[in-house]
Amino acid sequence: MDEYRLTGEIIDVKGECSAGHKKGEEIDLTIFSSEKTARGIDLCPFFLHNIFPYLCTFQCGGSFPWEKEENIKVVVCPDRINTVTMRIERTKVDS
């Protein structure tokens, strides 16, 4: 199976994020290390809960055919008052 690195960039914050995320922040969203062990992700737990299926799909080589770019997914946190928007990008790791 191919190995991927997942990165998230906060591209917009409307209001004030209760977890402290700021526009321009970059977050490592890779689920598995190169040894295939699970790792922690420094992201609001409510946001992580919402995007986890997307991360699993990207990490395991899947895609979202309706997206304009194969390795990009834009997601929005569940807080509709203080909304955080993040761009997830998948990059293949050379082995």
C-alpha atoms as a PDB file:
ATOM      1  CA  MET A   1       0.000   0.000   0.000  1.00  0.00           C
ATOM      2  CA  ASP A   2       1.257   3.501  -0.819  1.00  0.00           C
ATOM      3  CA  GLU A   3       2.195   5.797   2.031  1.00  0.00           C
ATOM      4  CA  TYR A   4       0.702   9.299   2.239  1.00  0.00           C
ATOM      5  CA  ARG A   5       1.212  12.418   4.316  1.00  0.00           C
ATOM      6  CA  LEU A   6      -1.899  14.455   5.086  1.00  0.00           C
ATOM      7  CA  THR A   7      -1.654  18.149   5.909  1.00  0.00           C
ATOM      8  CA  GLY A   8      -4.354  20.608   6.815  1.00  0.00           C
ATOM      9  CA  GLU A   9      -4.245  24.372   6.442  1.00  0.00           C
ATOM     10  CA  ILE A  10      -6.804  26.574   8.154  1.00  0.00           C
ATOM     11  CA  ILE A  11      -7.985  28.795   5.297  1.00  0.00           C
ATOM     12  CA  ASP A  12     -10.760  30.710   7.048  1.00  0.00           C
ATOM     13  CA  VAL A  13     -12.132  31.396  10.536  1.00  0.00           C
ATOM     14  CA  LYS A  14     -15.473  33.145  10.966  1.00  0.00           C
ATOM     15  CA  GLY A  15     -15.916  34.264  14.544  1.00  0.00           C
ATOM     16  CA  GLU A  16     -13.575  32.883  17.186  1.00  0.00           C
ATOM     17  CA  CYS A  17     -12.595  29.215  17.251  1.00  0.00           C
ATOM     18  CA  SER A  18     -13.056  27.816  20.786  1.00  0.00           C
ATOM     19  CA  ALA A  19     -10.084  25.485  20.193  1.00  0.00           C
ATOM     20  CA  GLY A  20      -7.861  28.410  19.212  1.00  0.00           C
ATOM     21  CA  HIS A  21      -7.291  27.513  15.564  1.00  0.00           C
ATOM     22  CA  LYS A  22      -6.180  30.490  13.452  1.00  0.00           C
ATOM     23  CA  LYS A  23      -6.144  31.254   9.721  1.00  0.00           C
ATOM     24  CA  GLY A  24      -2.854  30.096   8.166  1.00  0.00           C
ATOM     25  CA  GLU A  25      -2.237  27.390  10.783  1.00  0.00           C
ATOM     26  CA  GLU A  26      -0.874  24.124   9.388  1.00  0.00           C
ATOM     27  CA  ILE A  27      -1.654  20.786  11.016  1.00  0.00           C
ATOM     28  CA  ASP A  28      -0.225  17.327  10.358  1.00  0.00           C
ATOM     29  CA  LEU A  29      -3.306  15.148   9.809  1.00  0.00           C
ATOM     30  CA  THR A  30      -1.482  11.926   8.940  1.00  0.00           C
ATOM     31  CA  ILE A  31      -3.242   9.080  10.771  1.00  0.00           C
ATOM     32  CA  PHE A  32      -0.550   6.397  10.532  1.00  0.00           C
ATOM     33  CA  SER A  33       3.203   6.752  10.942  1.00  0.00           C
ATOM     34  CA  SER A  34       5.558   5.067   8.483  1.00  0.00           C
ATOM     35  CA  GLU A  35       5.580   2.073  10.892  1.00  0.00           C
ATOM     36  CA  LYS A  36       1.765   1.882  10.468  1.00  0.00           C
ATOM     37  CA  THR A  37       1.119   2.828  14.077  1.00  0.00           C
ATOM     38  CA  ALA A  38      -1.635   5.279  14.961  1.00  0.00           C
ATOM     39  CA  ARG A  39      -0.555   8.774  16.006  1.00  0.00           C
ATOM     40  CA  GLY A  40      -2.231  11.715  17.725  1.00  0.00           C
ATOM     41  CA  ILE A  41      -3.569  14.695  15.774  1.00  0.00           C
ATOM     42  CA  ASP A  42      -3.479  18.206  17.246  1.00  0.00           C
ATOM     43  CA  LEU A  43      -6.946  19.323  16.156  1.00  0.00           C
ATOM     44  CA  CYS A  44     -10.202  20.266  17.872  1.00  0.00           C
ATOM     45  CA  PRO A  45     -11.813  16.897  18.748  1.00  0.00           C
ATOM     46  CA  PHE A  46     -15.196  17.912  17.325  1.00  0.00           C
ATOM     47  CA  PHE A  47     -13.599  18.899  14.003  1.00  0.00           C
ATOM     48  CA  LEU A  48     -11.488  15.712  13.985  1.00  0.00           C
ATOM     49  CA  HIS A  49     -14.617  13.631  14.566  1.00  0.00           C
ATOM     50  CA  ASN A  50     -16.265  15.231  11.532  1.00  0.00           C
ATOM     51  CA  ILE A  51     -13.334  14.805   9.145  1.00  0.00           C
ATOM     52  CA  PHE A  52     -12.031  11.405  10.286  1.00  0.00           C
ATOM     53  CA  PRO A  53     -13.768   9.487   7.443  1.00  0.00           C
ATOM     54  CA  TYR A  54     -12.104  11.813   4.899  1.00  0.00           C
ATOM     55  CA  LEU A  55      -8.706  11.296   6.530  1.00  0.00           C
ATOM     56  CA  CYS A  56      -9.155   7.507   6.472  1.00  0.00           C
ATOM     57  CA  THR A  57     -10.134   7.603   2.813  1.00  0.00           C
ATOM     58  CA  PHE A  58      -7.136   9.735   1.841  1.00  0.00           C
ATOM     59  CA  GLN A  59      -4.710   7.784   4.047  1.00  0.00           C
ATOM     60  CA  CYS A  60      -5.752   4.473   2.459  1.00  0.00           C
ATOM     61  CA  GLY A  61      -5.468   5.721  -1.141  1.00  0.00           C
ATOM     62  CA  GLY A  62      -9.125   6.513  -1.823  1.00  0.00           C
ATOM     63  CA  SER A  63     -10.440   9.654  -3.437  1.00  0.00           C
ATOM     64  CA  PHE A  64     -13.489  11.854  -3.829  1.00  0.00           C
ATOM     65  CA  PRO A  65     -14.319  11.910  -7.566  1.00  0.00           C
ATOM     66  CA  TRP A  66     -16.591  14.962  -7.242  1.00  0.00           C
ATOM     67  CA  GLU A  67     -13.706  17.154  -6.018  1.00  0.00           C
ATOM     68  CA  LYS A  68     -11.888  19.361  -8.564  1.00  0.00           C
ATOM     69  CA  GLU A  69      -8.452  18.191  -7.419  1.00  0.00           C
ATOM     70  CA  GLU A  70      -7.801  14.522  -6.628  1.00  0.00           C
ATOM     71  CA  ASN A  71      -5.615  15.131  -3.558  1.00  0.00           C
ATOM     72  CA  ILE A  72      -7.454  18.118  -2.043  1.00  0.00           C
ATOM     73  CA  LYS A  73     -10.560  18.220   0.179  1.00  0.00           C
ATOM     74  CA  VAL A  74     -11.998  21.370   1.780  1.00  0.00           C
ATOM     75  CA  VAL A  75     -13.875  20.748   5.034  1.00  0.00           C
ATOM     76  CA  VAL A  76     -15.801  22.886   7.542  1.00  0.00           C
ATOM     77  CA  CYS A  77     -15.997  22.375  11.314  1.00  0.00           C
ATOM     78  CA  PRO A  78     -19.361  21.559  12.919  1.00  0.00           C
ATOM     79  CA  ASP A  79     -19.586  24.927  14.753  1.00  0.00           C
ATOM     80  CA  ARG A  80     -21.903  26.941  12.491  1.00  0.00           C
ATOM     81  CA  ILE A  81     -21.427  30.187  14.469  1.00  0.00           C
ATOM     82  CA  ASN A  82     -17.617  30.172  14.746  1.00  0.00           C
ATOM     83  CA  THR A  83     -16.854  28.312  11.539  1.00  0.00           C
ATOM     84  CA  VAL A  84     -13.360  27.063  10.722  1.00  0.00           C
ATOM     85  CA  THR A  85     -12.605  25.993   7.142  1.00  0.00           C
ATOM     86  CA  MET A  86      -9.642  23.741   6.408  1.00  0.00           C
ATOM     87  CA  ARG A  87      -7.971  22.549   3.213  1.00  0.00           C
ATOM     88  CA  ILE A  88      -6.709  18.954   3.474  1.00  0.00           C
ATOM     89  CA  GLU A  89      -3.957  17.926   1.071  1.00  0.00           C
ATOM     90  CA  ARG A  90      -2.609  14.424   0.463  1.00  0.00           C
ATOM     91  CA  THR A  91       0.986  13.972  -0.658  1.00  0.00           C
ATOM     92  CA  LYS A  92       2.486  10.607  -1.623  1.00  0.00           C
ATOM     93  CA  VAL A  93       5.598   9.729   0.376  1.00  0.00           C
ATOM     94  CA  ASP A  94       8.449   8.343  -1.720  1.00  0.00           C
ATOM     95  CA  SER A  95       9.573   4.987  -0.385  1.00  0.00           C
END
